[in-house]
Amino acid sequence: MFGRKKKTVSVAIAQGMADNDGWVIIDVRTKLERKDGHIPGSIHYSLDSLNQRLPKLKDKKVLAVCRSGSRSATAVGILDSNGIEAMNIKGGMNAWNRAGLPTRKGK
């Protein structure tokens, strides 16, 4: 497993991991936040519903994203404690947007 310092990745590295290394991005924000713009191909599992979704993530490597990185850090803790390899996207959607990476509006 990863050491504590390696539980966070930059948006650029996260994009590469999702595009090339089979990592799944889960968006743990609310539906309303996600509707305003999300990472194409990401899956919406709000932080409140994450525990119910754990069985769907058991065999996945997960990158978690929220608005700023706080809720997704909590999600990484939940995933990690359930044996799911997970990393937090540093700075969340704020950093993703600042980097000019692709987003999609709506569902």
N, C-alpha and C. Protein backbone atom coordinates (compact mmCIF):
# COMPACT_ATOMS: atom_id res chain seq x y z
N MET A 1 0.82 -1.19 0.00
CA MET A 1 0.00 0.00 0.00
C MET A 1 0.87 1.26 0.00
N PHE A 2 0.26 2.37 -0.21
CA PHE A 2 0.97 3.64 -0.26
C PHE A 2 1.25 4.17 1.14
N GLY A 3 2.35 4.93 1.26
CA GLY A 3 2.62 5.64 2.50
C GLY A 3 1.69 6.84 2.57
N ARG A 4 1.60 7.46 3.72
CA ARG A 4 0.68 8.57 3.94
C ARG A 4 0.88 9.71 2.94
N LYS A 5 2.12 10.06 2.65
CA LYS A 5 2.39 11.18 1.77
C LYS A 5 1.99 10.90 0.32
N LYS A 6 1.86 9.66 -0.05
CA LYS A 6 1.56 9.32 -1.43
C LYS A 6 0.07 9.12 -1.68
N LYS A 7 -0.78 9.55 -0.76
CA LYS A 7 -2.23 9.40 -0.93
C LYS A 7 -2.83 10.54 -1.74
N THR A 8 -2.01 11.50 -2.16
CA THR A 8 -2.47 12.65 -2.92
C THR A 8 -1.67 12.75 -4.22
N VAL A 9 -2.37 13.05 -5.31
CA VAL A 9 -1.71 13.25 -6.60
C VAL A 9 -2.19 14.55 -7.22
N SER A 10 -1.34 15.15 -8.04
CA SER A 10 -1.72 16.38 -8.73
C SER A 10 -2.77 16.08 -9.80
N VAL A 11 -3.43 17.11 -10.27
CA VAL A 11 -4.45 16.92 -11.30
C VAL A 11 -3.84 16.35 -12.58
N ALA A 12 -2.66 16.80 -12.95
CA ALA A 12 -2.03 16.31 -14.18
C ALA A 12 -1.70 14.83 -14.08
N ILE A 13 -1.15 14.42 -12.94
CA ILE A 13 -0.84 13.01 -12.75
C ILE A 13 -2.13 12.18 -12.68
N ALA A 14 -3.14 12.71 -12.00
CA ALA A 14 -4.42 12.01 -11.90
C ALA A 14 -5.02 11.77 -13.28
N GLN A 15 -4.96 12.78 -14.13
CA GLN A 15 -5.51 12.63 -15.47
C GLN A 15 -4.79 11.49 -16.21
N GLY A 16 -3.49 11.45 -16.10
CA GLY A 16 -2.72 10.38 -16.74
C GLY A 16 -3.05 9.02 -16.17
N MET A 17 -3.22 8.95 -14.85
CA MET A 17 -3.57 7.67 -14.21
C MET A 17 -4.92 7.17 -14.71
N ALA A 18 -5.87 8.08 -14.84
CA ALA A 18 -7.21 7.70 -15.31
C ALA A 18 -7.18 7.32 -16.78
N ASP A 19 -6.43 8.08 -17.57
CA ASP A 19 -6.39 7.82 -19.02
C ASP A 19 -5.57 6.59 -19.39
N ASN A 20 -4.50 6.32 -18.64
CA ASN A 20 -3.55 5.29 -19.07
C ASN A 20 -3.36 4.11 -18.13
N ASP A 21 -3.72 4.27 -16.88
CA ASP A 21 -3.38 3.23 -15.91
C ASP A 21 -4.58 2.55 -15.26
N GLY A 22 -5.77 2.80 -15.76
CA GLY A 22 -6.95 2.09 -15.29
C GLY A 22 -7.55 2.56 -13.98
N TRP A 23 -7.16 3.74 -13.51
CA TRP A 23 -7.76 4.29 -12.29
C TRP A 23 -9.11 4.88 -12.62
N VAL A 24 -10.07 4.73 -11.72
CA VAL A 24 -11.41 5.27 -11.85
C VAL A 24 -11.50 6.54 -11.02
N ILE A 25 -12.09 7.59 -11.58
CA ILE A 25 -12.30 8.82 -10.82
C ILE A 25 -13.71 8.83 -10.26
N ILE A 26 -13.82 8.99 -8.94
CA ILE A 26 -15.14 9.16 -8.34
C ILE A 26 -15.24 10.58 -7.81
N ASP A 27 -16.37 11.18 -8.09
CA ASP A 27 -16.67 12.55 -7.69
C ASP A 27 -17.57 12.46 -6.46
N VAL A 28 -17.06 12.93 -5.31
CA VAL A 28 -17.81 12.77 -4.06
C VAL A 28 -18.59 14.03 -3.67
N ARG A 29 -18.74 14.96 -4.61
CA ARG A 29 -19.51 16.18 -4.34
C ARG A 29 -21.01 15.89 -4.42
N THR A 30 -21.80 16.90 -4.17
CA THR A 30 -23.25 16.78 -4.28
C THR A 30 -23.66 16.77 -5.76
N LYS A 31 -24.89 16.35 -6.02
CA LYS A 31 -25.40 16.37 -7.40
C LYS A 31 -25.37 17.78 -7.99
N LEU A 32 -25.75 18.76 -7.19
CA LEU A 32 -25.78 20.14 -7.66
C LEU A 32 -24.38 20.63 -8.03
N GLU A 33 -23.40 20.33 -7.20
CA GLU A 33 -22.02 20.72 -7.51
C GLU A 33 -21.54 20.05 -8.80
N ARG A 34 -21.83 18.78 -8.93
CA ARG A 34 -21.39 18.02 -10.11
C ARG A 34 -22.02 18.56 -11.38
N LYS A 35 -23.27 18.96 -11.29
CA LYS A 35 -24.00 19.48 -12.45
C LYS A 35 -23.31 20.71 -13.04
N ASP A 36 -22.67 21.50 -12.19
CA ASP A 36 -21.97 22.71 -12.64
C ASP A 36 -20.69 22.42 -13.42
N GLY A 37 -20.21 21.21 -13.35
CA GLY A 37 -19.03 20.82 -14.10
C GLY A 37 -18.30 19.68 -13.41
N HIS A 38 -17.98 18.64 -14.19
CA HIS A 38 -17.30 17.48 -13.63
C HIS A 38 -16.30 16.92 -14.64
N ILE A 39 -15.47 16.02 -14.18
CA ILE A 39 -14.47 15.39 -15.02
C ILE A 39 -15.16 14.36 -15.92
N PRO A 40 -14.99 14.48 -17.24
CA PRO A 40 -15.61 13.49 -18.13
C PRO A 40 -15.16 12.07 -17.76
N GLY A 41 -16.13 11.18 -17.71
CA GLY A 41 -15.84 9.78 -17.38
C GLY A 41 -15.84 9.48 -15.90
N SER A 42 -15.93 10.52 -15.07
CA SER A 42 -15.95 10.27 -13.62
C SER A 42 -17.30 9.70 -13.22
N ILE A 43 -17.30 9.03 -12.08
CA ILE A 43 -18.51 8.42 -11.53
C ILE A 43 -18.94 9.25 -10.33
N HIS A 44 -20.23 9.52 -10.22
CA HIS A 44 -20.72 10.30 -9.08
C HIS A 44 -21.18 9.39 -7.96
N TYR A 45 -20.44 9.38 -6.87
CA TYR A 45 -20.83 8.73 -5.63
C TYR A 45 -20.64 9.78 -4.54
N SER A 46 -21.67 10.48 -4.15
CA SER A 46 -21.52 11.51 -3.13
C SER A 46 -20.90 10.90 -1.88
N LEU A 47 -20.22 11.71 -1.11
CA LEU A 47 -19.56 11.21 0.10
C LEU A 47 -20.57 10.53 1.01
N ASP A 48 -21.78 11.07 1.09
CA ASP A 48 -22.82 10.48 1.94
C ASP A 48 -23.24 9.08 1.50
N SER A 49 -23.07 8.76 0.22
CA SER A 49 -23.49 7.45 -0.28
C SER A 49 -22.33 6.49 -0.48
N LEU A 50 -21.12 6.93 -0.17
CA LEU A 50 -19.93 6.13 -0.48
C LEU A 50 -19.94 4.75 0.18
N ASN A 51 -20.31 4.68 1.43
CA ASN A 51 -20.31 3.38 2.11
C ASN A 51 -21.21 2.36 1.41
N GLN A 52 -22.33 2.82 0.88
CA GLN A 52 -23.25 1.93 0.16
C GLN A 52 -22.65 1.47 -1.18
N ARG A 53 -21.74 2.24 -1.73
CA ARG A 53 -21.16 1.95 -3.05
C ARG A 53 -19.88 1.12 -2.99
N LEU A 54 -19.38 0.86 -1.79
CA LEU A 54 -18.11 0.15 -1.66
C LEU A 54 -18.04 -1.16 -2.43
N PRO A 55 -19.09 -1.98 -2.44
CA PRO A 55 -18.99 -3.23 -3.21
C PRO A 55 -18.68 -3.01 -4.70
N LYS A 56 -19.16 -1.91 -5.26
CA LYS A 56 -18.90 -1.62 -6.68
C LYS A 56 -17.46 -1.20 -6.93
N LEU A 57 -16.74 -0.85 -5.87
CA LEU A 57 -15.37 -0.35 -6.02
C LEU A 57 -14.31 -1.35 -5.57
N LYS A 58 -14.71 -2.51 -5.09
CA LYS A 58 -13.79 -3.47 -4.49
C LYS A 58 -12.59 -3.82 -5.36
N ASP A 59 -12.76 -3.98 -6.64
CA ASP A 59 -11.66 -4.39 -7.52
C ASP A 59 -11.10 -3.23 -8.34
N LYS A 60 -11.34 -2.02 -7.90
CA LYS A 60 -10.92 -0.83 -8.65
C LYS A 60 -9.81 -0.09 -7.92
N LYS A 61 -9.06 0.68 -8.69
CA LYS A 61 -8.12 1.66 -8.15
C LYS A 61 -8.81 3.00 -8.33
N VAL A 62 -8.95 3.77 -7.25
CA VAL A 62 -9.83 4.93 -7.24
C VAL A 62 -9.07 6.24 -7.00
N LEU A 63 -9.42 7.22 -7.80
CA LEU A 63 -9.00 8.61 -7.59
C LEU A 63 -10.24 9.36 -7.14
N ALA A 64 -10.17 10.01 -5.99
CA ALA A 64 -11.32 10.73 -5.46
C ALA A 64 -11.15 12.22 -5.67
N VAL A 65 -12.26 12.89 -6.05
CA VAL A 65 -12.23 14.34 -6.27
C VAL A 65 -13.47 14.98 -5.65
N CYS A 66 -13.28 16.18 -5.11
CA CYS A 66 -14.39 17.00 -4.63
C CYS A 66 -14.11 18.43 -5.10
N ARG A 67 -14.60 19.41 -4.42
CA ARG A 67 -14.37 20.80 -4.84
C ARG A 67 -12.94 21.23 -4.57
N SER A 68 -12.45 20.97 -3.34
CA SER A 68 -11.13 21.48 -2.96
C SER A 68 -10.15 20.42 -2.48
N GLY A 69 -10.61 19.22 -2.22
CA GLY A 69 -9.74 18.14 -1.77
C GLY A 69 -10.01 17.65 -0.37
N SER A 70 -10.90 18.31 0.35
CA SER A 70 -11.18 17.93 1.74
C SER A 70 -12.10 16.70 1.83
N ARG A 71 -13.24 16.77 1.18
CA ARG A 71 -14.17 15.62 1.22
C ARG A 71 -13.56 14.40 0.54
N SER A 72 -12.81 14.64 -0.52
CA SER A 72 -12.18 13.50 -1.21
C SER A 72 -11.10 12.86 -0.34
N ALA A 73 -10.44 13.64 0.53
CA ALA A 73 -9.48 13.06 1.47
C ALA A 73 -10.21 12.14 2.45
N THR A 74 -11.39 12.56 2.89
CA THR A 74 -12.21 11.71 3.75
C THR A 74 -12.61 10.43 3.01
N ALA A 75 -12.98 10.57 1.74
CA ALA A 75 -13.35 9.41 0.92
C ALA A 75 -12.18 8.44 0.80
N VAL A 76 -10.98 8.95 0.59
CA VAL A 76 -9.79 8.09 0.48
C VAL A 76 -9.61 7.31 1.78
N GLY A 77 -9.83 7.94 2.93
CA GLY A 77 -9.73 7.24 4.20
C GLY A 77 -10.74 6.10 4.30
N ILE A 78 -11.96 6.35 3.86
CA ILE A 78 -13.01 5.32 3.88
C ILE A 78 -12.63 4.18 2.95
N LEU A 79 -12.22 4.52 1.74
CA LEU A 79 -11.85 3.49 0.76
C LEU A 79 -10.66 2.67 1.25
N ASP A 80 -9.64 3.35 1.73
CA ASP A 80 -8.44 2.70 2.22
C ASP A 80 -8.75 1.74 3.36
N SER A 81 -9.60 2.18 4.29
CA SER A 81 -9.93 1.33 5.44
C SER A 81 -10.77 0.12 5.03
N ASN A 82 -11.29 0.14 3.81
CA ASN A 82 -12.05 -1.00 3.29
C ASN A 82 -11.25 -1.79 2.26
N GLY A 83 -9.94 -1.57 2.22
CA GLY A 83 -9.06 -2.35 1.36
C GLY A 83 -9.07 -1.95 -0.10
N ILE A 84 -9.53 -0.75 -0.40
CA ILE A 84 -9.59 -0.27 -1.79
C ILE A 84 -8.46 0.73 -1.99
N GLU A 85 -7.64 0.49 -2.99
CA GLU A 85 -6.54 1.39 -3.30
C GLU A 85 -7.10 2.72 -3.79
N ALA A 86 -6.76 3.80 -3.11
CA ALA A 86 -7.36 5.10 -3.43
C ALA A 86 -6.37 6.23 -3.20
N MET A 87 -6.54 7.28 -4.00
CA MET A 87 -5.74 8.49 -3.88
C MET A 87 -6.62 9.71 -4.06
N ASN A 88 -6.23 10.80 -3.42
CA ASN A 88 -6.97 12.06 -3.46
C ASN A 88 -6.37 12.96 -4.55
N ILE A 89 -7.22 13.57 -5.36
CA ILE A 89 -6.76 14.53 -6.35
C ILE A 89 -6.58 15.87 -5.64
N LYS A 90 -5.33 16.27 -5.51
CA LYS A 90 -4.95 17.47 -4.76
C LYS A 90 -5.60 18.73 -5.34
N GLY A 91 -6.29 19.46 -4.47
CA GLY A 91 -6.93 20.71 -4.88
C GLY A 91 -8.27 20.53 -5.53
N GLY A 92 -8.70 19.30 -5.76
CA GLY A 92 -10.02 18.99 -6.28
C GLY A 92 -10.34 19.65 -7.62
N MET A 93 -11.62 19.91 -7.81
CA MET A 93 -12.08 20.52 -9.06
C MET A 93 -11.55 21.95 -9.21
N ASN A 94 -11.29 22.62 -8.09
CA ASN A 94 -10.71 23.96 -8.19
C ASN A 94 -9.38 23.89 -8.94
N ALA A 95 -8.52 22.94 -8.56
CA ALA A 95 -7.22 22.79 -9.21
C ALA A 95 -7.39 22.27 -10.64
N TRP A 96 -8.32 21.35 -10.85
CA TRP A 96 -8.58 20.80 -12.17
C TRP A 96 -8.96 21.92 -13.14
N ASN A 97 -9.85 22.78 -12.70
CA ASN A 97 -10.29 23.91 -13.53
C ASN A 97 -9.16 24.91 -13.78
N ARG A 98 -8.38 25.23 -12.74
CA ARG A 98 -7.26 26.15 -12.89
C ARG A 98 -6.24 25.62 -13.91
N ALA A 99 -6.09 24.30 -13.97
CA ALA A 99 -5.15 23.67 -14.90
C ALA A 99 -5.69 23.64 -16.32
N GLY A 100 -6.97 24.00 -16.49
CA GLY A 100 -7.57 23.99 -17.83
C GLY A 100 -7.86 22.61 -18.37
N LEU A 101 -8.00 21.63 -17.47
CA LEU A 101 -8.30 20.26 -17.91
C LEU A 101 -9.78 20.14 -18.27
N PRO A 102 -10.11 19.14 -19.08
CA PRO A 102 -11.49 19.06 -19.59
C PRO A 102 -12.54 18.80 -18.50
N THR A 103 -13.68 19.46 -18.68
CA THR A 103 -14.84 19.25 -17.82
C THR A 103 -16.08 19.13 -18.68
N ARG A 104 -17.12 18.62 -18.06
CA ARG A 104 -18.41 18.49 -18.75
C ARG A 104 -19.49 18.99 -17.80
N LYS A 105 -20.44 19.73 -18.32
CA LYS A 105 -21.57 20.22 -17.50
C LYS A 105 -22.73 19.24 -17.60
N GLY A 106 -23.59 19.26 -16.61
CA GLY A 106 -24.75 18.38 -16.59
C GLY A 106 -24.43 17.10 -15.88
N LYS A 107 -25.25 16.08 -16.13
CA LYS A 107 -25.07 14.77 -15.48
C LYS A 107 -23.82 14.18 -15.96
